Each structure stands twice: as C-alpha cells, then as structure tokens.
Amino acid sequence: MTRTRSRLAALSTIALLALPALSGCGQNPIHPGAAAVVGDQTLSGSDLNAISRDLCTVLKSDQQSIGSGYPRSALMASVVQAFMLRAVADQLAEEYDVTPDKSYKSSADQIELRFGQADPDALANAMDTFTSTAYFVAVARAAGELELKESGNADPTQDESLTKGIALAQTWQDDHDIDVSPRFPAMKIGDQSIETVRDDTSYAVSDFAKQAAAEQPDKTFVDTLPPSQVCR
C-alpha cells in the first residue's frame, strides 16, 4: 500500500470532499448493512445516504463551495472518512474522560457562518462531516495534555499536547477494529495527517497543523457523469 500526506491549505472542513470513491479494499470485512464500524460505533448505509444528501444540500447553498459540482460518490466517501475519524475521537474522549477544547466550537461557528443560507436541518446533519478534523484535533489535544500533566509536565504546549494526543489515537486505532465497506478507502492516523489507504494508491484527507481544503474536482470529469451521480 502507498500512503500520502495532505497538502497544507486554508480550510480543513471541505478537505474530505476531495476523496474519490473508487473500488478498493477496507481494513477488515464489513458488518452487514454497515458502511463503516469503528469500535462500538456504526455508520449504517441508510445514515450514509441521508448525510451525503444533506451534505450536497448544504454545499449547494454556497456557490463558492459547490463550484462545478462534486461526484456523489466523493460526498459519500467524505462522510465515511469523517465518521471514522470522529468515532475514534469520541472513544478516545471517553477513555481519557476529556472534552474537545474551544477550538472545536470555533470551527463549528465558522461552518455555520459560511453556510448560513443552508437548510438548518441539513446543516445540522452534515455538521459532523464538516468538523470531523477539528473535533479530532481538539479531543486529541485535550487527551494529550491530560496524559502529559499526569506524566509530570505541568504546562505542556499546544503542540506537545497534540503530538501526544495523536500518539494516543494511533495506539487506540492499533488496538481496536476499524471496518469499512470495500466501496471506500481505509483510514490511517499518521503523525502529521490523516491518510486514506488503498491497495493501489492513496488520498490525503486533512492535515493536523492546518485545516486543508479540497481542490475542486475536474470539471470535465464531473460533466461526464449522469446527473443522478452529481451534486451541483
């Protein structure tokens, strides 16, 4: 398998939308009826469809975000990747009894401001996808800070806390099952970025240091797709 890290850019909440949804292998056999299973959390196929539809609705409310459109398969891959990352963060928060720091609320506020014209219910349903990286970083930093303080570092920096938190998340991932449908790429938490992994190639999702933005999909490619397979 090959792995790549994401490029640095301005806004990570849209980063997941760059993921192509090609056929490939997951990390483990998937549970029947599920798109992904992370520890004790499951994303059902029906929930995946509903969230990806709402994600499309929200993107269409902002012309800059929707651009020339996205393949619906890419939106579904985005939802799956966001679910996996957020589920790891949820269970890491539970294990270390921490809550996300204030940076997460700031990220959510930015999304609400950016998509203020979107249907409120659709935005609420898509919010976890938009903010998954920010949520993971906020939880990892909080868990890392706690662990460092308990180890004798009375005043760790934010970078030290995040580095430690990412290491804790990597250990959590190693110790727990993460199953994903063969339709979508598997996920790996790297030292600097979230990585998606396939047998033949890989696609970066987002960078921990800066929130990454997806480039618009190739318009020529999008235009070749049937209307039912495009969000625009």
Protein backbone atom coordinates (compact mmCIF):
# COMPACT_ATOMS: atom_id res chain seq x y z
CA MET A 1 0.00 0.00 0.00
CA THR A 2 1.12 3.53 -0.62
CA ARG A 3 0.35 6.42 1.69
CA THR A 4 0.49 10.15 1.17
CA ARG A 5 0.06 13.18 3.39
CA SER A 6 -2.23 16.03 2.57
CA ARG A 7 -1.09 19.40 1.32
CA LEU A 8 -1.45 22.44 3.56
CA ALA A 9 -4.28 24.81 2.76
CA ALA A 10 -6.72 27.14 4.38
CA LEU A 11 -9.88 25.32 5.41
CA SER A 12 -9.99 21.71 6.55
CA THR A 13 -13.69 21.27 6.76
CA ILE A 14 -14.01 20.87 2.99
CA ALA A 15 -10.92 18.66 2.70
CA LEU A 16 -12.80 15.40 2.82
CA LEU A 17 -14.65 16.29 -0.36
CA ALA A 18 -11.54 15.63 -2.45
CA LEU A 19 -11.78 11.89 -1.86
CA PRO A 20 -12.56 9.83 -4.94
CA ALA A 21 -14.79 6.84 -4.13
CA LEU A 22 -13.19 4.15 -6.25
CA SER A 23 -13.50 0.46 -5.60
CA GLY A 24 -10.92 -0.90 -3.18
CA CYS A 25 -10.39 -2.91 -0.03
CA GLY A 26 -11.19 -1.94 3.54
CA GLN A 27 -9.22 -2.83 6.62
CA ASN A 28 -11.47 -5.68 7.71
CA PRO A 29 -14.64 -7.40 6.47
CA ILE A 30 -17.53 -5.00 6.98
CA HIS A 31 -20.59 -5.80 9.06
CA PRO A 32 -23.75 -6.49 7.02
CA GLY A 33 -25.69 -3.30 6.29
CA ALA A 34 -22.94 -1.01 7.56
CA ALA A 35 -20.76 1.45 5.68
CA ALA A 36 -18.19 1.59 8.50
CA VAL A 37 -17.72 0.27 12.02
CA VAL A 38 -15.24 1.87 14.44
CA GLY A 39 -15.02 0.22 17.83
CA ASP A 40 -18.56 0.38 19.22
CA GLN A 41 -19.89 2.92 16.67
CA THR A 42 -21.54 2.04 13.35
CA LEU A 43 -22.42 4.12 10.30
CA SER A 44 -25.34 2.40 8.55
CA GLY A 45 -25.88 2.53 4.83
CA SER A 46 -29.12 4.44 5.30
CA ASP A 47 -27.45 7.05 7.51
CA LEU A 48 -24.65 7.39 4.97
CA ASN A 49 -27.18 8.10 2.22
CA ALA A 50 -29.07 10.64 4.34
CA ILE A 51 -25.95 12.52 5.46
CA SER A 52 -24.46 12.64 1.98
CA ARG A 53 -27.74 14.06 0.61
CA ASP A 54 -27.73 16.75 3.28
CA LEU A 55 -24.06 17.46 2.62
CA CYS A 56 -24.94 18.09 -1.02
CA THR A 57 -27.82 20.36 0.01
CA VAL A 58 -25.52 22.43 2.22
CA LEU A 59 -22.79 22.74 -0.40
CA LYS A 60 -25.31 23.94 -2.98
CA SER A 61 -26.25 26.83 -0.68
CA ASP A 62 -22.83 28.41 -1.26
CA GLN A 63 -21.69 28.90 -4.85
CA GLN A 64 -18.02 29.10 -3.92
CA SER A 65 -18.22 25.74 -2.16
CA ILE A 66 -20.20 23.86 -4.79
CA GLY A 67 -18.23 25.25 -7.74
CA SER A 68 -18.72 22.99 -10.76
CA GLY A 69 -20.10 20.23 -8.59
CA TYR A 70 -18.95 17.04 -6.89
CA PRO A 71 -19.47 13.38 -7.75
CA ARG A 72 -21.96 11.99 -5.25
CA SER A 73 -19.57 9.09 -4.71
CA ALA A 74 -16.99 11.60 -3.41
CA LEU A 75 -19.52 13.03 -0.95
CA MET A 76 -20.28 9.55 0.34
CA ALA A 77 -16.57 8.81 0.75
CA SER A 78 -16.23 12.09 2.66
CA VAL A 79 -19.00 11.12 5.07
CA VAL A 80 -17.43 7.71 5.71
CA GLN A 81 -13.97 9.16 6.37
CA ALA A 82 -15.39 11.84 8.65
CA PHE A 83 -17.38 9.25 10.58
CA MET A 84 -14.32 7.07 11.15
CA LEU A 85 -12.18 9.96 12.36
CA ARG A 86 -14.88 11.34 14.63
CA ALA A 87 -15.66 7.89 16.05
CA VAL A 88 -12.01 7.44 17.02
CA ALA A 89 -12.10 10.85 18.72
CA ASP A 90 -15.36 10.06 20.53
CA GLN A 91 -13.98 6.87 22.00
CA LEU A 92 -10.63 8.47 22.83
CA ALA A 93 -12.52 11.22 24.70
CA GLU A 94 -14.47 8.60 26.63
CA GLU A 95 -11.34 6.63 27.51
CA TYR A 96 -9.50 9.70 28.84
CA ASP A 97 -12.60 11.50 30.15
CA VAL A 98 -11.92 14.70 28.23
CA THR A 99 -13.97 17.09 26.13
CA PRO A 100 -12.84 18.95 22.98
CA ASP A 101 -11.14 22.28 23.65
CA LYS A 102 -12.59 25.60 22.49
CA SER A 103 -11.02 25.32 19.03
CA TYR A 104 -13.77 22.90 18.04
CA LYS A 105 -16.58 25.34 18.77
CA SER A 106 -14.74 27.98 16.78
CA SER A 107 -14.61 25.64 13.78
CA ALA A 108 -18.30 24.81 14.06
CA ASP A 109 -19.13 28.51 14.28
CA GLN A 110 -17.18 29.16 11.07
CA ILE A 111 -19.16 26.48 9.25
CA GLU A 112 -22.45 27.90 10.46
CA LEU A 113 -21.37 31.33 9.26
CA ARG A 114 -20.19 30.08 5.89
CA PHE A 115 -23.35 28.11 5.21
CA GLY A 116 -25.80 30.44 6.91
CA GLN A 117 -28.20 30.24 3.95
CA ALA A 118 -28.42 26.44 4.06
CA ASP A 119 -31.39 24.48 5.32
CA PRO A 120 -30.86 24.31 9.11
CA ASP A 121 -31.75 20.61 9.38
CA ALA A 122 -29.44 19.68 6.51
CA LEU A 123 -26.60 21.70 8.04
CA ALA A 124 -27.11 20.07 11.43
CA ASN A 125 -26.95 16.62 9.85
CA ALA A 126 -23.84 17.46 7.83
CA MET A 127 -22.01 19.33 10.60
CA ASP A 128 -20.14 16.27 11.89
CA THR A 129 -18.70 15.71 8.42
CA PHE A 130 -17.57 19.33 8.07
CA THR A 131 -15.97 19.45 11.52
CA SER A 132 -14.52 15.96 11.92
CA THR A 133 -10.88 17.05 11.67
CA ALA A 134 -11.36 19.97 14.05
CA TYR A 135 -13.14 17.68 16.50
CA PHE A 136 -10.39 15.06 16.33
CA VAL A 137 -7.66 17.66 16.86
CA ALA A 138 -9.50 19.23 19.81
CA VAL A 139 -10.04 15.88 21.52
CA ALA A 140 -6.51 14.64 20.81
CA ARG A 141 -5.04 17.84 22.21
CA ALA A 142 -7.13 17.55 25.37
CA ALA A 143 -6.23 13.89 25.89
CA GLY A 144 -2.56 14.59 25.20
CA GLU A 145 -2.48 17.49 27.65
CA LEU A 146 -4.02 15.32 30.37
CA GLU A 147 -1.56 12.50 29.75
CA LEU A 148 1.45 14.83 29.77
CA LYS A 149 0.36 16.52 33.00
CA GLU A 150 -0.11 13.15 34.66
CA SER A 151 3.42 12.25 33.49
CA GLY A 152 4.94 15.31 35.18
CA ASN A 153 4.78 18.01 32.50
CA ALA A 154 2.90 20.70 34.39
CA ASP A 155 2.48 23.10 31.48
CA PRO A 156 2.66 21.38 28.07
CA THR A 157 2.39 23.49 24.94
CA GLN A 158 -0.47 23.00 22.50
CA ASP A 159 1.90 21.37 20.02
CA GLU A 160 3.23 18.99 22.67
CA SER A 161 -0.30 18.13 23.72
CA LEU A 162 -1.42 17.48 20.16
CA THR A 163 1.61 15.36 19.34
CA LYS A 164 0.95 13.24 22.43
CA GLY A 165 -2.76 13.05 21.63
CA ILE A 166 -2.11 11.85 18.10
CA ALA A 167 0.14 9.13 19.51
CA LEU A 168 -2.68 8.09 21.87
CA ALA A 169 -5.10 7.98 18.94
CA GLN A 170 -2.68 5.88 16.90
CA THR A 171 -2.42 3.42 19.79
CA TRP A 172 -6.22 3.35 20.06
CA GLN A 173 -6.51 2.59 16.36
CA ASP A 174 -3.96 -0.21 16.63
CA ASP A 175 -5.91 -1.79 19.49
CA HIS A 176 -9.43 -1.59 18.01
CA ASP A 177 -11.21 -2.79 14.93
CA ILE A 178 -11.99 -0.30 12.18
CA ASP A 179 -14.04 -1.95 9.44
CA VAL A 180 -15.01 -0.15 6.24
CA SER A 181 -17.03 -1.15 3.20
CA PRO A 182 -14.93 -2.16 0.17
CA ARG A 183 -16.50 0.81 -1.63
CA PHE A 184 -14.40 3.23 0.42
CA PRO A 185 -10.73 3.65 1.36
CA ALA A 186 -9.42 2.66 4.76
CA MET A 187 -8.13 5.29 7.20
CA LYS A 188 -4.81 5.63 8.99
CA ILE A 189 -3.91 8.28 11.56
CA GLY A 190 -0.43 9.44 10.62
CA ASP A 191 1.96 11.60 12.62
CA GLN A 192 1.08 14.77 10.73
CA SER A 193 -2.06 13.97 8.79
CA ILE A 194 -4.97 11.66 8.27
CA GLU A 195 -4.29 9.22 5.47
CA THR A 196 -6.57 7.07 3.37
CA VAL A 197 -5.12 3.80 2.18
CA ARG A 198 -5.88 1.51 -0.75
CA ASP A 199 -4.03 -1.39 -2.29
CA ASP A 200 -3.02 0.62 -5.34
CA THR A 201 -2.88 4.26 -4.25
CA SER A 202 -3.95 6.63 -1.50
CA TYR A 203 -5.51 10.03 -1.00
CA ALA A 204 -4.75 12.51 1.76
CA VAL A 205 -7.69 13.78 3.79
CA SER A 206 -6.52 16.58 6.03
CA ASP A 207 -3.53 17.93 7.86
CA PHE A 208 -3.48 18.35 11.63
CA ALA A 209 -1.41 21.52 11.64
CA LYS A 210 -3.59 23.45 9.22
CA GLN A 211 -7.10 22.76 8.01
CA ALA A 212 -6.87 21.53 4.45
CA ALA A 213 -9.10 22.48 1.57
CA ALA A 214 -10.05 20.29 -1.33
CA GLU A 215 -9.41 21.42 -4.82
CA GLN A 216 -12.48 21.40 -6.99
CA PRO A 217 -12.94 18.11 -8.86
CA ASP A 218 -12.03 18.20 -12.53
CA LYS A 219 -14.99 19.83 -14.29
CA THR A 220 -14.50 17.72 -17.40
CA PHE A 221 -14.78 14.55 -15.35
CA VAL A 222 -17.81 15.79 -13.43
CA ASP A 223 -19.54 16.72 -16.68
CA THR A 224 -19.20 13.14 -17.94
CA LEU A 225 -21.24 11.78 -15.04
CA PRO A 226 -25.01 11.24 -15.25
CA PRO A 227 -26.97 13.98 -13.44
CA SER A 228 -28.07 11.48 -10.78
CA GLN A 229 -24.41 10.96 -9.83
CA VAL A 230 -23.50 14.62 -9.43
CA CYS A 231 -24.15 17.16 -6.68
CA ARG A 232 -24.37 20.61 -8.27
